[in-house]
Amino acid sequence: MRKRQSVREKQSIFALMVAQLIIFAFSKGYELTLGDAWAKNGEGRKHSAKSKHYIRLAIDLNLFKDGKFLRKTEDHKELGAFWVSLGGIWGGDWKDGNHYEL
């Protein structure tokens, strides 16, 4: 029987996955800045009540190529596919392309 992972254990796995995603993005010529990496309930930008941002298992990444800010979900498609290959959930499946979660 497989042991259920704690939130803290999932956060460690998530951090490693984000590091891999960032390295992948830069290797493809993209640059990234961090968007929402954690949200405190009721503060700042509103997230849904079940948002993984609240438990530090989601991150929004700002994507750039050749100095241009890429805002469209389609712009994140290559990174989204890589993220899913790592076992993550990509927000592009619901039109939130810069959202990556575990």
Foldseek 3Di string as FASTA:
>chain_A
DDDDDDLVRLLVLLVVLVVVLQVVQVVVQKHKDWDQQADDPPDDDDDPPPDCNPSRFKTFIFIGHPRDTDDWLVVLVVSQVVLVVSVWHACSVVGRNRMIGD
